[in-house]
Amino acid sequence: MYARLTTFEHATAIDETARQIIERGRPEGIPATELYLMADRESGKVVTLVLFETEEDMRKGHETLSAMNAPGGGFGERTSVDLLEVVGRLSA
């Protein structure tokens, strides 16, 4: 499993932007299996975690996502993107 972890700073419309993303569903060109949206409302920081089955899927998704603007503008500016292999997982 692989992950794309993206950090946004200066978010101004966290709930509205998250709702729009969820309602739109997965865009074409992003073969993800899961998406998590996490926020620190006090600091205006948002982190997205997108999971992929294969490294090839992650690279394809990364290419598509990198070409897109910050979601709805409400998540502020994208400040970092990391592409990672998931080396462990524990579900409660």
PDB file of N, CA and C in Angstrom:
ATOM      1  N   MET A   1       0.853  -1.159   0.000  1.00  0.00           N
ATOM      2  CA  MET A   1       0.000   0.000   0.000  1.00  0.00           C
ATOM      3  C   MET A   1       0.910   1.237   0.000  1.00  0.00           C
ATOM      4  N   TYR A   2       0.434   2.298  -0.646  1.00  0.00           N
ATOM      5  CA  TYR A   2       1.198   3.534  -0.775  1.00  0.00           C
ATOM      6  C   TYR A   2       0.313   4.722  -0.406  1.00  0.00           C
ATOM      7  N   ALA A   3       0.965   5.813  -0.022  1.00  0.00           N
ATOM      8  CA  ALA A   3       0.212   6.982   0.446  1.00  0.00           C
ATOM      9  C   ALA A   3       0.804   8.272  -0.100  1.00  0.00           C
ATOM     10  N   ARG A   4      -0.085   9.207  -0.347  1.00  0.00           N
ATOM     11  CA  ARG A   4       0.303  10.582  -0.680  1.00  0.00           C
ATOM     12  C   ARG A   4      -0.201  11.449   0.461  1.00  0.00           C
ATOM     13  N   LEU A   5       0.726  12.104   1.147  1.00  0.00           N
ATOM     14  CA  LEU A   5       0.412  12.934   2.300  1.00  0.00           C
ATOM     15  C   LEU A   5       0.677  14.387   1.913  1.00  0.00           C
ATOM     16  N   THR A   6      -0.365  15.210   1.967  1.00  0.00           N
ATOM     17  CA  THR A   6      -0.245  16.605   1.545  1.00  0.00           C
ATOM     18  C   THR A   6      -0.646  17.525   2.684  1.00  0.00           C
ATOM     19  N   THR A   7       0.122  18.576   2.877  1.00  0.00           N
ATOM     20  CA  THR A   7      -0.161  19.557   3.920  1.00  0.00           C
ATOM     21  C   THR A   7      -0.532  20.884   3.275  1.00  0.00           C
ATOM     22  N   PHE A   8      -1.584  21.487   3.804  1.00  0.00           N
ATOM     23  CA  PHE A   8      -2.046  22.807   3.380  1.00  0.00           C
ATOM     24  C   PHE A   8      -2.001  23.730   4.590  1.00  0.00           C
ATOM     25  N   GLU A   9      -1.666  24.976   4.381  1.00  0.00           N
ATOM     26  CA  GLU A   9      -1.622  25.971   5.448  1.00  0.00           C
ATOM     27  C   GLU A   9      -2.581  27.114   5.116  1.00  0.00           C
ATOM     28  N   HIS A  10      -3.043  27.790   6.134  1.00  0.00           N
ATOM     29  CA  HIS A  10      -3.905  28.973   5.999  1.00  0.00           C
ATOM     30  C   HIS A  10      -5.287  28.642   5.445  1.00  0.00           C
ATOM     31  N   ALA A  11      -5.836  27.513   5.860  1.00  0.00           N
ATOM     32  CA  ALA A  11      -7.177  27.125   5.421  1.00  0.00           C
ATOM     33  C   ALA A  11      -8.201  28.104   5.993  1.00  0.00           C
ATOM     34  N   THR A  12      -9.174  28.463   5.166  1.00  0.00           N
ATOM     35  CA  THR A  12     -10.200  29.420   5.590  1.00  0.00           C
ATOM     36  C   THR A  12     -11.606  28.842   5.556  1.00  0.00           C
ATOM     37  N   ALA A  13     -11.799  27.747   4.827  1.00  0.00           N
ATOM     38  CA  ALA A  13     -13.139  27.169   4.686  1.00  0.00           C
ATOM     39  C   ALA A  13     -13.037  25.646   4.745  1.00  0.00           C
ATOM     40  N   ILE A  14     -12.613  25.141   5.877  1.00  0.00           N
ATOM     41  CA  ILE A  14     -12.334  23.714   6.021  1.00  0.00           C
ATOM     42  C   ILE A  14     -13.573  22.859   5.780  1.00  0.00           C
ATOM     43  N   ASP A  15     -14.663  23.148   6.480  1.00  0.00           N
ATOM     44  CA  ASP A  15     -15.861  22.312   6.361  1.00  0.00           C
ATOM     45  C   ASP A  15     -16.454  22.373   4.960  1.00  0.00           C
ATOM     46  N   GLU A  16     -16.544  23.557   4.415  1.00  0.00           N
ATOM     47  CA  GLU A  16     -17.115  23.742   3.074  1.00  0.00           C
ATOM     48  C   GLU A  16     -16.279  23.001   2.032  1.00  0.00           C
ATOM     49  N   THR A  17     -14.973  23.145   2.094  1.00  0.00           N
ATOM     50  CA  THR A  17     -14.097  22.504   1.115  1.00  0.00           C
ATOM     51  C   THR A  17     -14.133  20.991   1.261  1.00  0.00           C
ATOM     52  N   ALA A  18     -14.102  20.494   2.485  1.00  0.00           N
ATOM     53  CA  ALA A  18     -14.181  19.046   2.717  1.00  0.00           C
ATOM     54  C   ALA A  18     -15.491  18.487   2.173  1.00  0.00           C
ATOM     55  N   ARG A  19     -16.581  19.184   2.409  1.00  0.00           N
ATOM     56  CA  ARG A  19     -17.887  18.740   1.909  1.00  0.00           C
ATOM     57  C   ARG A  19     -17.879  18.669   0.380  1.00  0.00           C
ATOM     58  N   GLN A  20     -17.315  19.689  -0.269  1.00  0.00           N
ATOM     59  CA  GLN A  20     -17.255  19.702  -1.735  1.00  0.00           C
ATOM     60  C   GLN A  20     -16.448  18.521  -2.269  1.00  0.00           C
ATOM     61  N   ILE A  21     -15.328  18.249  -1.642  1.00  0.00           N
ATOM     62  CA  ILE A  21     -14.471  17.139  -2.080  1.00  0.00           C
ATOM     63  C   ILE A  21     -15.211  15.813  -1.957  1.00  0.00           C
ATOM     64  N   ILE A  22     -15.857  15.599  -0.835  1.00  0.00           N
ATOM     65  CA  ILE A  22     -16.570  14.342  -0.599  1.00  0.00           C
ATOM     66  C   ILE A  22     -17.754  14.195  -1.550  1.00  0.00           C
ATOM     67  N   GLU A  23     -18.486  15.276  -1.770  1.00  0.00           N
ATOM     68  CA  GLU A  23     -19.642  15.219  -2.672  1.00  0.00           C
ATOM     69  C   GLU A  23     -19.241  14.948  -4.113  1.00  0.00           C
ATOM     70  N   ARG A  24     -18.119  15.497  -4.543  1.00  0.00           N
ATOM     71  CA  ARG A  24     -17.666  15.294  -5.927  1.00  0.00           C
ATOM     72  C   ARG A  24     -17.184  13.877  -6.175  1.00  0.00           C
ATOM     73  N   GLY A  25     -16.695  13.234  -5.126  1.00  0.00           N
ATOM     74  CA  GLY A  25     -16.173  11.882  -5.292  1.00  0.00           C
ATOM     75  C   GLY A  25     -14.785  11.895  -5.890  1.00  0.00           C
ATOM     76  N   ARG A  26     -14.319  10.720  -6.241  1.00  0.00           N
ATOM     77  CA  ARG A  26     -12.951  10.572  -6.742  1.00  0.00           C
ATOM     78  C   ARG A  26     -12.852  11.041  -8.185  1.00  0.00           C
ATOM     79  N   PRO A  27     -11.966  12.014  -8.452  1.00  0.00           N
ATOM     80  CA  PRO A  27     -11.788  12.485  -9.829  1.00  0.00           C
ATOM     81  C   PRO A  27     -11.142  11.428 -10.712  1.00  0.00           C
ATOM     82  N   GLU A  28     -11.371  11.532 -11.999  1.00  0.00           N
ATOM     83  CA  GLU A  28     -10.730  10.676 -12.993  1.00  0.00           C
ATOM     84  C   GLU A  28      -9.217  10.846 -12.870  1.00  0.00           C
ATOM     85  N   GLY A  29      -8.475   9.767 -12.978  1.00  0.00           N
ATOM     86  CA  GLY A  29      -7.017   9.851 -12.931  1.00  0.00           C
ATOM     87  C   GLY A  29      -6.435   9.711 -11.537  1.00  0.00           C
ATOM     88  N   ILE A  30      -7.283   9.420 -10.557  1.00  0.00           N
ATOM     89  CA  ILE A  30      -6.791   9.213  -9.194  1.00  0.00           C
ATOM     90  C   ILE A  30      -7.295   7.858  -8.709  1.00  0.00           C
ATOM     91  N   PRO A  31      -6.513   6.795  -8.944  1.00  0.00           N
ATOM     92  CA  PRO A  31      -6.951   5.440  -8.580  1.00  0.00           C
ATOM     93  C   PRO A  31      -6.742   5.128  -7.088  1.00  0.00           C
ATOM     94  N   ALA A  32      -7.291   5.967  -6.245  1.00  0.00           N
ATOM     95  CA  ALA A  32      -7.123   5.826  -4.797  1.00  0.00           C
ATOM     96  C   ALA A  32      -8.123   4.829  -4.226  1.00  0.00           C
ATOM     97  N   THR A  33      -7.759   4.249  -3.085  1.00  0.00           N
ATOM     98  CA  THR A  33      -8.671   3.358  -2.379  1.00  0.00           C
ATOM     99  C   THR A  33      -9.350   4.057  -1.211  1.00  0.00           C
ATOM    100  N   GLU A  34      -8.658   5.060  -0.618  1.00  0.00           N
ATOM    101  CA  GLU A  34      -9.226   5.792   0.517  1.00  0.00           C
ATOM    102  C   GLU A  34      -8.678   7.217   0.526  1.00  0.00           C
ATOM    103  N   LEU A  35      -9.456   8.104   1.149  1.00  0.00           N
ATOM    104  CA  LEU A  35      -9.044   9.496   1.321  1.00  0.00           C
ATOM    105  C   LEU A  35      -9.415   9.929   2.729  1.00  0.00           C
ATOM    106  N   TYR A  36      -8.467  10.531   3.427  1.00  0.00           N
ATOM    107  CA  TYR A  36      -8.709  11.094   4.753  1.00  0.00           C
ATOM    108  C   TYR A  36      -8.393  12.582   4.697  1.00  0.00           C
ATOM    109  N   LEU A  37      -9.257  13.383   5.292  1.00  0.00           N
ATOM    110  CA  LEU A  37      -9.058  14.825   5.417  1.00  0.00           C
ATOM    111  C   LEU A  37      -8.970  15.133   6.901  1.00  0.00           C
ATOM    112  N   MET A  38      -7.868  15.737   7.324  1.00  0.00           N
ATOM    113  CA  MET A  38      -7.650  16.018   8.748  1.00  0.00           C
ATOM    114  C   MET A  38      -7.299  17.488   8.906  1.00  0.00           C
ATOM    115  N   ALA A  39      -7.791  18.106   9.979  1.00  0.00           N
ATOM    116  CA  ALA A  39      -7.579  19.542  10.144  1.00  0.00           C
ATOM    117  C   ALA A  39      -7.268  19.926  11.572  1.00  0.00           C
ATOM    118  N   ASP A  40      -6.446  20.944  11.692  1.00  0.00           N
ATOM    119  CA  ASP A  40      -6.226  21.644  12.953  1.00  0.00           C
ATOM    120  C   ASP A  40      -6.865  23.016  12.747  1.00  0.00           C
ATOM    121  N   ARG A  41      -8.087  23.156  13.196  1.00  0.00           N
ATOM    122  CA  ARG A  41      -8.848  24.384  12.952  1.00  0.00           C
ATOM    123  C   ARG A  41      -8.168  25.617  13.543  1.00  0.00           C
ATOM    124  N   GLU A  42      -7.544  25.435  14.689  1.00  0.00           N
ATOM    125  CA  GLU A  42      -6.923  26.575  15.364  1.00  0.00           C
ATOM    126  C   GLU A  42      -5.784  27.183  14.539  1.00  0.00           C
ATOM    127  N   SER A  43      -4.988  26.337  13.924  1.00  0.00           N
ATOM    128  CA  SER A  43      -3.851  26.839  13.148  1.00  0.00           C
ATOM    129  C   SER A  43      -4.170  27.019  11.662  1.00  0.00           C
ATOM    130  N   GLY A  44      -5.304  26.461  11.197  1.00  0.00           N
ATOM    131  CA  GLY A  44      -5.644  26.537   9.785  1.00  0.00           C
ATOM    132  C   GLY A  44      -4.857  25.556   8.932  1.00  0.00           C
ATOM    133  N   LYS A  45      -4.392  24.489   9.552  1.00  0.00           N
ATOM    134  CA  LYS A  45      -3.622  23.471   8.839  1.00  0.00           C
ATOM    135  C   LYS A  45      -4.534  22.310   8.465  1.00  0.00           C
ATOM    136  N   VAL A  46      -4.410  21.846   7.216  1.00  0.00           N
ATOM    137  CA  VAL A  46      -5.164  20.690   6.742  1.00  0.00           C
ATOM    138  C   VAL A  46      -4.173  19.692   6.166  1.00  0.00           C
ATOM    139  N   VAL A  47      -4.377  18.413   6.475  1.00  0.00           N
ATOM    140  CA  VAL A  47      -3.551  17.344   5.933  1.00  0.00           C
ATOM    141  C   VAL A  47      -4.472  16.361   5.233  1.00  0.00           C
ATOM    142  N   THR A  48      -4.108  15.997   4.009  1.00  0.00           N
ATOM    143  CA  THR A  48      -4.870  14.971   3.297  1.00  0.00           C
ATOM    144  C   THR A  48      -3.997  13.728   3.169  1.00  0.00           C
ATOM    145  N   LEU A  49      -4.617  12.588   3.359  1.00  0.00           N
ATOM    146  CA  LEU A  49      -3.947  11.302   3.206  1.00  0.00           C
ATOM    147  C   LEU A  49      -4.735  10.517   2.169  1.00  0.00           C
ATOM    148  N   VAL A  50      -4.077  10.201   1.057  1.00  0.00           N
ATOM    149  CA  VAL A  50      -4.709   9.433  -0.013  1.00  0.00           C
ATOM    150  C   VAL A  50      -3.966   8.111  -0.111  1.00  0.00           C
ATOM    151  N   LEU A  51      -4.704   7.020  -0.038  1.00  0.00           N
ATOM    152  CA  LEU A  51      -4.106   5.689  -0.075  1.00  0.00           C
ATOM    153  C   LEU A  51      -4.311   5.030  -1.431  1.00  0.00           C
ATOM    154  N   PHE A  52      -3.298   4.277  -1.855  1.00  0.00           N
ATOM    155  CA  PHE A  52      -3.300   3.590  -3.145  1.00  0.00           C
ATOM    156  C   PHE A  52      -2.829   2.151  -2.950  1.00  0.00           C
ATOM    157  N   GLU A  53      -3.307   1.247  -3.783  1.00  0.00           N
ATOM    158  CA  GLU A  53      -2.902  -0.162  -3.703  1.00  0.00           C
ATOM    159  C   GLU A  53      -1.467  -0.370  -4.174  1.00  0.00           C
ATOM    160  N   THR A  54      -1.067   0.298  -5.248  1.00  0.00           N
ATOM    161  CA  THR A  54       0.255   0.068  -5.837  1.00  0.00           C
ATOM    162  C   THR A  54       1.028   1.377  -5.969  1.00  0.00           C
ATOM    163  N   GLU A  55       2.336   1.235  -6.119  1.00  0.00           N
ATOM    164  CA  GLU A  55       3.175   2.412  -6.336  1.00  0.00           C
ATOM    165  C   GLU A  55       2.819   3.093  -7.657  1.00  0.00           C
ATOM    166  N   GLU A  56       2.513   2.300  -8.669  1.00  0.00           N
ATOM    167  CA  GLU A  56       2.115   2.855  -9.967  1.00  0.00           C
ATOM    168  C   GLU A  56       0.841   3.691  -9.826  1.00  0.00           C
ATOM    169  N   ASP A  57      -0.139   3.201  -9.076  1.00  0.00           N
ATOM    170  CA  ASP A  57      -1.368   3.971  -8.838  1.00  0.00           C
ATOM    171  C   ASP A  57      -1.053   5.277  -8.112  1.00  0.00           C
ATOM    172  N   MET A  58      -0.144   5.197  -7.126  1.00  0.00           N
ATOM    173  CA  MET A  58       0.222   6.407  -6.381  1.00  0.00           C
ATOM    174  C   MET A  58       0.867   7.430  -7.312  1.00  0.00           C
ATOM    175  N   ARG A  59       1.763   6.997  -8.161  1.00  0.00           N
ATOM    176  CA  ARG A  59       2.442   7.920  -9.085  1.00  0.00           C
ATOM    177  C   ARG A  59       1.438   8.563 -10.041  1.00  0.00           C
ATOM    178  N   LYS A  60       0.502   7.763 -10.539  1.00  0.00           N
ATOM    179  CA  LYS A  60      -0.534   8.303 -11.427  1.00  0.00           C
ATOM    180  C   LYS A  60      -1.399   9.312 -10.678  1.00  0.00           C
ATOM    181  N   GLY A  61      -1.830   8.969  -9.475  1.00  0.00           N
ATOM    182  CA  GLY A  61      -2.635   9.880  -8.665  1.00  0.00           C
ATOM    183  C   GLY A  61      -1.880  11.141  -8.322  1.00  0.00           C
ATOM    184  N   HIS A  62      -0.600  11.001  -8.003  1.00  0.00           N
ATOM    185  CA  HIS A  62       0.233  12.155  -7.674  1.00  0.00           C
ATOM    186  C   HIS A  62       0.326  13.114  -8.854  1.00  0.00           C
ATOM    187  N   GLU A  63       0.519  12.571 -10.034  1.00  0.00           N
ATOM    188  CA  GLU A  63       0.600  13.401 -11.237  1.00  0.00           C
ATOM    189  C   GLU A  63      -0.689  14.197 -11.433  1.00  0.00           C
ATOM    190  N   THR A  64      -1.815  13.523 -11.291  1.00  0.00           N
ATOM    191  CA  THR A  64      -3.112  14.186 -11.458  1.00  0.00           C
ATOM    192  C   THR A  64      -3.340  15.231 -10.376  1.00  0.00           C
ATOM    193  N   LEU A  65      -3.095  14.863  -9.120  1.00  0.00           N
ATOM    194  CA  LEU A  65      -3.321  15.782  -8.008  1.00  0.00           C
ATOM    195  C   LEU A  65      -2.380  16.982  -8.057  1.00  0.00           C
ATOM    196  N   SER A  66      -1.143  16.777  -8.488  1.00  0.00           N
ATOM    197  CA  SER A  66      -0.178  17.876  -8.562  1.00  0.00           C
ATOM    198  C   SER A  66      -0.575  18.913  -9.607  1.00  0.00           C
ATOM    199  N   ALA A  67      -1.297  18.472 -10.623  1.00  0.00           N
ATOM    200  CA  ALA A  67      -1.730  19.389 -11.668  1.00  0.00           C
ATOM    201  C   ALA A  67      -2.961  20.199 -11.258  1.00  0.00           C
ATOM    202  N   MET A  68      -3.588  19.794 -10.157  1.00  0.00           N
ATOM    203  CA  MET A  68      -4.798  20.475  -9.700  1.00  0.00           C
ATOM    204  C   MET A  68      -4.455  21.615  -8.753  1.00  0.00           C
ATOM    205  N   ASN A  69      -5.327  22.597  -8.666  1.00  0.00           N
ATOM    206  CA  ASN A  69      -5.194  23.655  -7.670  1.00  0.00           C
ATOM    207  C   ASN A  69      -5.640  23.119  -6.317  1.00  0.00           C
ATOM    208  N   ALA A  70      -5.313  23.850  -5.269  1.00  0.00           N
ATOM    209  CA  ALA A  70      -5.783  23.469  -3.937  1.00  0.00           C
ATOM    210  C   ALA A  70      -7.296  23.321  -3.985  1.00  0.00           C
ATOM    211  N   PRO A  71      -7.836  22.295  -3.329  1.00  0.00           N
ATOM    212  CA  PRO A  71      -9.271  22.013  -3.429  1.00  0.00           C
ATOM    213  C   PRO A  71     -10.152  23.175  -3.010  1.00  0.00           C
ATOM    214  N   GLY A  72     -10.871  23.709  -3.978  1.00  0.00           N
ATOM    215  CA  GLY A  72     -11.829  24.770  -3.707  1.00  0.00           C
ATOM    216  C   GLY A  72     -11.216  26.048  -3.176  1.00  0.00           C
ATOM    217  N   GLY A  73      -9.896  26.103  -3.035  1.00  0.00           N
ATOM    218  CA  GLY A  73      -9.246  27.273  -2.491  1.00  0.00           C
ATOM    219  C   GLY A  73      -9.387  27.401  -0.982  1.00  0.00           C
ATOM    220  N   GLY A  74     -10.333  26.687  -0.398  1.00  0.00           N
ATOM    221  CA  GLY A  74     -10.613  26.806   1.029  1.00  0.00           C
ATOM    222  C   GLY A  74      -9.616  26.114   1.934  1.00  0.00           C
ATOM    223  N   PHE A  75      -8.737  25.276   1.349  1.00  0.00           N
ATOM    224  CA  PHE A  75      -7.713  24.615   2.144  1.00  0.00           C
ATOM    225  C   PHE A  75      -6.432  25.440   2.187  1.00  0.00           C
ATOM    226  N   GLY A  76      -6.423  26.607   1.604  1.00  0.00           N
ATOM    227  CA  GLY A  76      -5.242  27.461   1.632  1.00  0.00           C
ATOM    228  C   GLY A  76      -4.212  27.027   0.624  1.00  0.00           C
ATOM    229  N   GLU A  77      -2.938  27.185   0.975  1.00  0.00           N
ATOM    230  CA  GLU A  77      -1.868  26.858   0.041  1.00  0.00           C
ATOM    231  C   GLU A  77      -1.229  25.520   0.385  1.00  0.00           C
ATOM    232  N   ARG A  78      -0.928  24.763  -0.663  1.00  0.00           N
ATOM    233  CA  ARG A  78      -0.263  23.466  -0.498  1.00  0.00           C
ATOM    234  C   ARG A  78       1.201  23.742  -0.157  1.00  0.00           C
ATOM    235  N   THR A  79       1.660  23.249   0.994  1.00  0.00           N
ATOM    236  CA  THR A  79       3.018  23.535   1.429  1.00  0.00           C
ATOM    237  C   THR A  79       3.953  22.337   1.364  1.00  0.00           C
ATOM    238  N   SER A  80       3.407  21.129   1.330  1.00  0.00           N
ATOM    239  CA  SER A  80       4.271  19.956   1.177  1.00  0.00           C
ATOM    240  C   SER A  80       3.481  18.773   0.651  1.00  0.00           C
ATOM    241  N   VAL A  81       4.205  17.907  -0.060  1.00  0.00           N
ATOM    242  CA  VAL A  81       3.638  16.663  -0.566  1.00  0.00           C
ATOM    243  C   VAL A  81       4.684  15.578  -0.358  1.00  0.00           C
ATOM    244  N   ASP A  82       4.278  14.490   0.269  1.00  0.00           N
ATOM    245  CA  ASP A  82       5.169  13.349   0.470  1.00  0.00           C
ATOM    246  C   ASP A  82       4.529  12.109  -0.139  1.00  0.00           C
ATOM    247  N   LEU A  83       5.347  11.314  -0.824  1.00  0.00           N
ATOM    248  CA  LEU A  83       4.919  10.030  -1.372  1.00  0.00           C
ATOM    249  C   LEU A  83       5.595   8.952  -0.536  1.00  0.00           C
ATOM    250  N   LEU A  84       4.783   8.080   0.050  1.00  0.00           N
ATOM    251  CA  LEU A  84       5.290   7.147   1.052  1.00  0.00           C
ATOM    252  C   LEU A  84       4.777   5.736   0.827  1.00  0.00           C
ATOM    253  N   GLU A  85       5.578   4.766   1.223  1.00  0.00           N
ATOM    254  CA  GLU A  85       5.108   3.388   1.284  1.00  0.00           C
ATOM    255  C   GLU A  85       4.562   3.145   2.680  1.00  0.00           C
ATOM    256  N   VAL A  86       3.404   2.535   2.770  1.00  0.00           N
ATOM    257  CA  VAL A  86       2.826   2.193   4.069  1.00  0.00           C
ATOM    258  C   VAL A  86       3.486   0.889   4.497  1.00  0.00           C
ATOM    259  N   VAL A  87       4.211   0.933   5.612  1.00  0.00           N
ATOM    260  CA  VAL A  87       4.950  -0.243   6.053  1.00  0.00           C
ATOM    261  C   VAL A  87       4.298  -0.946   7.235  1.00  0.00           C
ATOM    262  N   GLY A  88       3.204  -0.402   7.734  1.00  0.00           N
ATOM    263  CA  GLY A  88       2.471  -1.030   8.815  1.00  0.00           C
ATOM    264  C   GLY A  88       1.102  -0.381   8.961  1.00  0.00           C
ATOM    265  N   ARG A  89       0.158  -1.169   9.458  1.00  0.00           N
ATOM    266  CA  ARG A  89      -1.197  -0.658   9.652  1.00  0.00           C
ATOM    267  C   ARG A  89      -1.859  -1.452  10.766  1.00  0.00           C
ATOM    268  N   LEU A  90      -2.544  -0.744  11.648  1.00  0.00           N
ATOM    269  CA  LEU A  90      -3.265  -1.384  12.720  1.00  0.00           C
ATOM    270  C   LEU A  90      -4.654  -0.783  12.777  1.00  0.00           C
ATOM    271  N   SER A  91      -5.675  -1.589  12.632  1.00  0.00           N
ATOM    272  CA  SER A  91      -7.045  -1.126  12.756  1.00  0.00           C
ATOM    273  C   SER A  91      -7.571  -1.491  14.125  1.00  0.00           C
ATOM    274  N   ALA A  92      -8.336  -0.573  14.708  1.00  0.00           N
ATOM    275  CA  ALA A  92      -8.882  -0.813  16.066  1.00  0.00           C
ATOM    276  C   ALA A  92     -10.011  -1.805  16.024  1.00  0.00           C
TER     277      ALA A  92
END
